[in-house]
Amino acid sequence: RLFGNMFAGELVFMLIALMGAVGFAS
């Protein structure tokens, strides 16, 4: 339970970070 919630939260932060990377690339 603890692992699943924290792993999912980490993935969301990665996806949000990729939004900025795509923004700078275009």
PDB file of all heavy atoms in Angstrom:
ATOM      1  N   ARG A   1       0.833  -1.214   0.000  1.00  0.00           N
ATOM      2  CA  ARG A   1       0.000   0.000   0.000  1.00  0.00           C
ATOM      3  C   ARG A   1       0.862   1.257   0.000  1.00  0.00           C
ATOM      4  O   ARG A   1       0.636   2.185  -0.782  1.00  0.00           O
ATOM      5  CB  ARG A   1      -0.932  -0.010   1.217  1.00  0.00           C
ATOM      6  CG  ARG A   1      -1.861   1.208   1.301  1.00  0.00           C
ATOM      7  CD  ARG A   1      -2.705   1.170   2.557  1.00  0.00           C
ATOM      8  NE  ARG A   1      -3.667   0.069   2.522  1.00  0.00           N
ATOM      9  CZ  ARG A   1      -3.545  -1.064   3.209  1.00  0.00           C
ATOM     10  NH1 ARG A   1      -2.474  -1.253   3.977  1.00  0.00           N
ATOM     11  NH2 ARG A   1      -4.454  -2.006   3.131  1.00  0.00           N
ATOM     12  N   LEU A   2       1.846   1.282   0.884  1.00  0.00           N
ATOM     13  CA  LEU A   2       2.740   2.441   0.954  1.00  0.00           C
ATOM     14  C   LEU A   2       3.552   2.572  -0.322  1.00  0.00           C
ATOM     15  O   LEU A   2       3.665   3.672  -0.897  1.00  0.00           O
ATOM     16  CB  LEU A   2       3.663   2.300   2.171  1.00  0.00           C
ATOM     17  CG  LEU A   2       4.724   3.381   2.368  1.00  0.00           C
ATOM     18  CD1 LEU A   2       4.084   4.753   2.503  1.00  0.00           C
ATOM     19  CD2 LEU A   2       5.577   3.064   3.596  1.00  0.00           C
ATOM     20  N   PHE A   3       4.120   1.463  -0.791  1.00  0.00           N
ATOM     21  CA  PHE A   3       4.916   1.487  -2.017  1.00  0.00           C
ATOM     22  C   PHE A   3       4.095   1.960  -3.214  1.00  0.00           C
ATOM     23  O   PHE A   3       4.541   2.811  -3.996  1.00  0.00           O
ATOM     24  CB  PHE A   3       5.472   0.093  -2.293  1.00  0.00           C
ATOM     25  CG  PHE A   3       5.901  -0.123  -3.717  1.00  0.00           C
ATOM     26  CD1 PHE A   3       7.067   0.446  -4.207  1.00  0.00           C
ATOM     27  CD2 PHE A   3       5.119  -0.891  -4.582  1.00  0.00           C
ATOM     28  CE1 PHE A   3       7.449   0.259  -5.534  1.00  0.00           C
ATOM     29  CE2 PHE A   3       5.500  -1.089  -5.896  1.00  0.00           C
ATOM     30  CZ  PHE A   3       6.665  -0.509  -6.383  1.00  0.00           C
ATOM     31  N   GLY A   4       2.897   1.416  -3.384  1.00  0.00           N
ATOM     32  CA  GLY A   4       2.075   1.758  -4.552  1.00  0.00           C
ATOM     33  C   GLY A   4       1.747   3.230  -4.616  1.00  0.00           C
ATOM     34  O   GLY A   4       1.835   3.856  -5.685  1.00  0.00           O
ATOM     35  N   ASN A   5       1.383   3.815  -3.483  1.00  0.00           N
ATOM     36  CA  ASN A   5       1.031   5.232  -3.475  1.00  0.00           C
ATOM     37  C   ASN A   5       2.235   6.124  -3.752  1.00  0.00           C
ATOM     38  O   ASN A   5       2.135   7.098  -4.512  1.00  0.00           O
ATOM     39  CB  ASN A   5       0.403   5.605  -2.124  1.00  0.00           C
ATOM     40  CG  ASN A   5      -1.039   5.194  -2.011  1.00  0.00           C
ATOM     41  OD1 ASN A   5      -1.939   5.896  -2.463  1.00  0.00           O
ATOM     42  ND2 ASN A   5      -1.280   4.044  -1.413  1.00  0.00           N
ATOM     43  N   MET A   6       3.380   5.799  -3.167  1.00  0.00           N
ATOM     44  CA  MET A   6       4.555   6.642  -3.357  1.00  0.00           C
ATOM     45  C   MET A   6       5.155   6.448  -4.743  1.00  0.00           C
ATOM     46  O   MET A   6       5.646   7.412  -5.354  1.00  0.00           O
ATOM     47  CB  MET A   6       5.596   6.346  -2.272  1.00  0.00           C
ATOM     48  CG  MET A   6       5.128   6.670  -0.864  1.00  0.00           C
ATOM     49  SD  MET A   6       4.358   8.310  -0.711  1.00  0.00           S
ATOM     50  CE  MET A   6       5.687   9.354  -1.260  1.00  0.00           C
ATOM     51  N   PHE A   7       5.116   5.225  -5.273  1.00  0.00           N
ATOM     52  CA  PHE A   7       5.623   4.988  -6.617  1.00  0.00           C
ATOM     53  C   PHE A   7       4.771   5.719  -7.654  1.00  0.00           C
ATOM     54  O   PHE A   7       5.295   6.333  -8.595  1.00  0.00           O
ATOM     55  CB  PHE A   7       5.618   3.484  -6.907  1.00  0.00           C
ATOM     56  CG  PHE A   7       6.221   3.110  -8.231  1.00  0.00           C
ATOM     57  CD1 PHE A   7       7.594   3.049  -8.388  1.00  0.00           C
ATOM     58  CD2 PHE A   7       5.428   2.834  -9.327  1.00  0.00           C
ATOM     59  CE1 PHE A   7       8.169   2.702  -9.605  1.00  0.00           C
ATOM     60  CE2 PHE A   7       5.971   2.492 -10.547  1.00  0.00           C
ATOM     61  CZ  PHE A   7       7.350   2.426 -10.692  1.00  0.00           C
ATOM     62  N   ALA A   8       3.454   5.677  -7.464  1.00  0.00           N
ATOM     63  CA  ALA A   8       2.561   6.388  -8.385  1.00  0.00           C
ATOM     64  C   ALA A   8       2.792   7.891  -8.310  1.00  0.00           C
ATOM     65  O   ALA A   8       2.798   8.584  -9.339  1.00  0.00           O
ATOM     66  CB  ALA A   8       1.108   6.055  -8.055  1.00  0.00           C
ATOM     67  N   GLY A   9       2.985   8.422  -7.107  1.00  0.00           N
ATOM     68  CA  GLY A   9       3.251   9.849  -6.967  1.00  0.00           C
ATOM     69  C   GLY A   9       4.536  10.262  -7.646  1.00  0.00           C
ATOM     70  O   GLY A   9       4.615  11.328  -8.274  1.00  0.00           O
ATOM     71  N   GLU A  10       5.559   9.415  -7.553  1.00  0.00           N
ATOM     72  CA  GLU A  10       6.838   9.694  -8.215  1.00  0.00           C
ATOM     73  C   GLU A  10       6.665   9.721  -9.735  1.00  0.00           C
ATOM     74  O   GLU A  10       7.230  10.575 -10.427  1.00  0.00           O
ATOM     75  CB  GLU A  10       7.859   8.641  -7.809  1.00  0.00           C
ATOM     76  CG  GLU A  10       9.291   8.976  -8.194  1.00  0.00           C
ATOM     77  CD  GLU A  10      10.283   7.946  -7.678  1.00  0.00           C
ATOM     78  OE1 GLU A  10       9.919   6.752  -7.610  1.00  0.00           O
ATOM     79  OE2 GLU A  10      11.418   8.320  -7.355  1.00  0.00           O
ATOM     80  N   LEU A  11       5.876   8.794 -10.259  1.00  0.00           N
ATOM     81  CA  LEU A  11       5.632   8.763 -11.704  1.00  0.00           C
ATOM     82  C   LEU A  11       4.906  10.017 -12.175  1.00  0.00           C
ATOM     83  O   LEU A  11       5.198  10.557 -13.253  1.00  0.00           O
ATOM     84  CB  LEU A  11       4.819   7.522 -12.066  1.00  0.00           C
ATOM     85  CG  LEU A  11       5.574   6.195 -12.163  1.00  0.00           C
ATOM     86  CD1 LEU A  11       4.612   5.069 -12.496  1.00  0.00           C
ATOM     87  CD2 LEU A  11       6.685   6.273 -13.200  1.00  0.00           C
ATOM     88  N   VAL A  12       3.952  10.489 -11.373  1.00  0.00           N
ATOM     89  CA  VAL A  12       3.227  11.708 -11.750  1.00  0.00           C
ATOM     90  C   VAL A  12       4.182  12.888 -11.836  1.00  0.00           C
ATOM     91  O   VAL A  12       4.108  13.703 -12.768  1.00  0.00           O
ATOM     92  CB  VAL A  12       2.086  11.987 -10.751  1.00  0.00           C
ATOM     93  CG1 VAL A  12       1.465  13.361 -11.017  1.00  0.00           C
ATOM     94  CG2 VAL A  12       1.012  10.912 -10.841  1.00  0.00           C
ATOM     95  N   PHE A  13       5.103  13.001 -10.880  1.00  0.00           N
ATOM     96  CA  PHE A  13       6.088  14.082 -10.931  1.00  0.00           C
ATOM     97  C   PHE A  13       6.958  13.977 -12.187  1.00  0.00           C
ATOM     98  O   PHE A  13       7.323  14.993 -12.790  1.00  0.00           O
ATOM     99  CB  PHE A  13       6.973  14.058  -9.683  1.00  0.00           C
ATOM    100  CG  PHE A  13       6.388  14.781  -8.506  1.00  0.00           C
ATOM    101  CD1 PHE A  13       6.126  14.110  -7.317  1.00  0.00           C
ATOM    102  CD2 PHE A  13       6.096  16.135  -8.582  1.00  0.00           C
ATOM    103  CE1 PHE A  13       5.591  14.780  -6.225  1.00  0.00           C
ATOM    104  CE2 PHE A  13       5.564  16.815  -7.499  1.00  0.00           C
ATOM    105  CZ  PHE A  13       5.300  16.135  -6.314  1.00  0.00           C
ATOM    106  N   MET A  14       7.291  12.754 -12.591  1.00  0.00           N
ATOM    107  CA  MET A  14       8.092  12.576 -13.815  1.00  0.00           C
ATOM    108  C   MET A  14       7.322  13.023 -15.044  1.00  0.00           C
ATOM    109  O   MET A  14       7.874  13.692 -15.931  1.00  0.00           O
ATOM    110  CB  MET A  14       8.498  11.103 -13.959  1.00  0.00           C
ATOM    111  CG  MET A  14       9.473  10.621 -12.920  1.00  0.00           C
ATOM    112  SD  MET A  14       9.873   8.869 -13.160  1.00  0.00           S
ATOM    113  CE  MET A  14      10.717   8.521 -11.610  1.00  0.00           C
ATOM    114  N   LEU A  15       6.051  12.671 -15.114  1.00  0.00           N
ATOM    115  CA  LEU A  15       5.234  13.064 -16.261  1.00  0.00           C
ATOM    116  C   LEU A  15       5.063  14.576 -16.322  1.00  0.00           C
ATOM    117  O   LEU A  15       5.078  15.179 -17.398  1.00  0.00           O
ATOM    118  CB  LEU A  15       3.874  12.372 -16.192  1.00  0.00           C
ATOM    119  CG  LEU A  15       3.895  10.851 -16.329  1.00  0.00           C
ATOM    120  CD1 LEU A  15       2.504  10.272 -16.123  1.00  0.00           C
ATOM    121  CD2 LEU A  15       4.444  10.433 -17.689  1.00  0.00           C
ATOM    122  N   ILE A  16       4.912  15.208 -15.170  1.00  0.00           N
ATOM    123  CA  ILE A  16       4.795  16.665 -15.130  1.00  0.00           C
ATOM    124  C   ILE A  16       6.104  17.311 -15.590  1.00  0.00           C
ATOM    125  O   ILE A  16       6.100  18.307 -16.324  1.00  0.00           O
ATOM    126  CB  ILE A  16       4.416  17.136 -13.715  1.00  0.00           C
ATOM    127  CG1 ILE A  16       2.978  16.697 -13.380  1.00  0.00           C
ATOM    128  CG2 ILE A  16       4.534  18.656 -13.594  1.00  0.00           C
ATOM    129  CD1 ILE A  16       2.566  16.985 -11.956  1.00  0.00           C
ATOM    130  N   ALA A  17       7.237  16.728 -15.158  1.00  0.00           N
ATOM    131  CA  ALA A  17       8.538  17.260 -15.576  1.00  0.00           C
ATOM    132  C   ALA A  17       8.711  17.152 -17.088  1.00  0.00           C
ATOM    133  O   ALA A  17       9.309  18.039 -17.722  1.00  0.00           O
ATOM    134  CB  ALA A  17       9.661  16.512 -14.863  1.00  0.00           C
ATOM    135  N   LEU A  18       8.182  16.088 -17.682  1.00  0.00           N
ATOM    136  CA  LEU A  18       8.299  15.916 -19.131  1.00  0.00           C
ATOM    137  C   LEU A  18       7.500  16.976 -19.890  1.00  0.00           C
ATOM    138  O   LEU A  18       7.852  17.330 -21.019  1.00  0.00           O
ATOM    139  CB  LEU A  18       7.812  14.518 -19.529  1.00  0.00           C
ATOM    140  CG  LEU A  18       8.773  13.369 -19.198  1.00  0.00           C
ATOM    141  CD1 LEU A  18       8.103  12.030 -19.474  1.00  0.00           C
ATOM    142  CD2 LEU A  18      10.059  13.498 -20.007  1.00  0.00           C
ATOM    143  N   MET A  19       6.430  17.493 -19.278  1.00  0.00           N
ATOM    144  CA  MET A  19       5.679  18.575 -19.923  1.00  0.00           C
ATOM    145  C   MET A  19       6.573  19.784 -20.162  1.00  0.00           C
ATOM    146  O   MET A  19       6.570  20.388 -21.240  1.00  0.00           O
ATOM    147  CB  MET A  19       4.485  18.988 -19.052  1.00  0.00           C
ATOM    148  CG  MET A  19       3.372  17.977 -18.971  1.00  0.00           C
ATOM    149  SD  MET A  19       2.069  18.504 -17.825  1.00  0.00           S
ATOM    150  CE  MET A  19       1.581  20.084 -18.547  1.00  0.00           C
ATOM    151  N   GLY A  20       7.360  20.130 -19.151  1.00  0.00           N
ATOM    152  CA  GLY A  20       8.270  21.265 -19.305  1.00  0.00           C
ATOM    153  C   GLY A  20       9.351  21.000 -20.325  1.00  0.00           C
ATOM    154  O   GLY A  20       9.745  21.883 -21.086  1.00  0.00           O
ATOM    155  N   ALA A  21       9.853  19.750 -20.372  1.00  0.00           N
ATOM    156  CA  ALA A  21      10.892  19.413 -21.341  1.00  0.00           C
ATOM    157  C   ALA A  21      10.359  19.542 -22.764  1.00  0.00           C
ATOM    158  O   ALA A  21      11.038  20.062 -23.651  1.00  0.00           O
ATOM    159  CB  ALA A  21      11.389  17.992 -21.086  1.00  0.00           C
ATOM    160  N   VAL A  22       9.136  19.076 -22.992  1.00  0.00           N
ATOM    161  CA  VAL A  22       8.523  19.214 -24.313  1.00  0.00           C
ATOM    162  C   VAL A  22       8.292  20.679 -24.648  1.00  0.00           C
ATOM    163  O   VAL A  22       8.473  21.127 -25.781  1.00  0.00           O
ATOM    164  CB  VAL A  22       7.202  18.418 -24.371  1.00  0.00           C
ATOM    165  CG1 VAL A  22       6.471  18.690 -25.679  1.00  0.00           C
ATOM    166  CG2 VAL A  22       7.471  16.935 -24.217  1.00  0.00           C
ATOM    167  N   GLY A  23       7.930  21.466 -23.643  1.00  0.00           N
ATOM    168  CA  GLY A  23       7.700  22.890 -23.862  1.00  0.00           C
ATOM    169  C   GLY A  23       8.946  23.615 -24.311  1.00  0.00           C
ATOM    170  O   GLY A  23       8.914  24.429 -25.238  1.00  0.00           O
ATOM    171  N   PHE A  24      10.086  23.312 -23.684  1.00  0.00           N
ATOM    172  CA  PHE A  24      11.336  23.948 -24.074  1.00  0.00           C
ATOM    173  C   PHE A  24      11.806  23.487 -25.450  1.00  0.00           C
ATOM    174  O   PHE A  24      12.582  24.167 -26.107  1.00  0.00           O
ATOM    175  CB  PHE A  24      12.423  23.649 -23.031  1.00  0.00           C
ATOM    176  CG  PHE A  24      12.331  24.519 -21.813  1.00  0.00           C
ATOM    177  CD1 PHE A  24      12.158  23.956 -20.558  1.00  0.00           C
ATOM    178  CD2 PHE A  24      12.412  25.904 -21.914  1.00  0.00           C
ATOM    179  CE1 PHE A  24      12.071  24.754 -19.418  1.00  0.00           C
ATOM    180  CE2 PHE A  24      12.324  26.708 -20.789  1.00  0.00           C
ATOM    181  CZ  PHE A  24      12.150  26.142 -19.545  1.00  0.00           C
ATOM    182  N   ALA A  25      11.365  22.311 -25.867  1.00  0.00           N
ATOM    183  CA  ALA A  25      11.850  21.751 -27.135  1.00  0.00           C
ATOM    184  C   ALA A  25      11.056  22.233 -28.337  1.00  0.00           C
ATOM    185  O   ALA A  25      11.402  21.921 -29.469  1.00  0.00           O
ATOM    186  CB  ALA A  25      11.798  20.221 -27.072  1.00  0.00           C
ATOM    187  N   SER A  26       9.989  22.974 -28.126  1.00  0.00           N
ATOM    188  CA  SER A  26       9.155  23.422 -29.241  1.00  0.00           C
ATOM    189  C   SER A  26       8.919  24.925 -29.151  1.00  0.00           C
ATOM    190  O   SER A  26       8.947  25.506 -28.069  1.00  0.00           O
ATOM    191  CB  SER A  26       7.820  22.672 -29.242  1.00  0.00           C
ATOM    192  OG  SER A  26       7.115  22.911 -28.042  1.00  0.00           O
TER     193      SER A  26
END
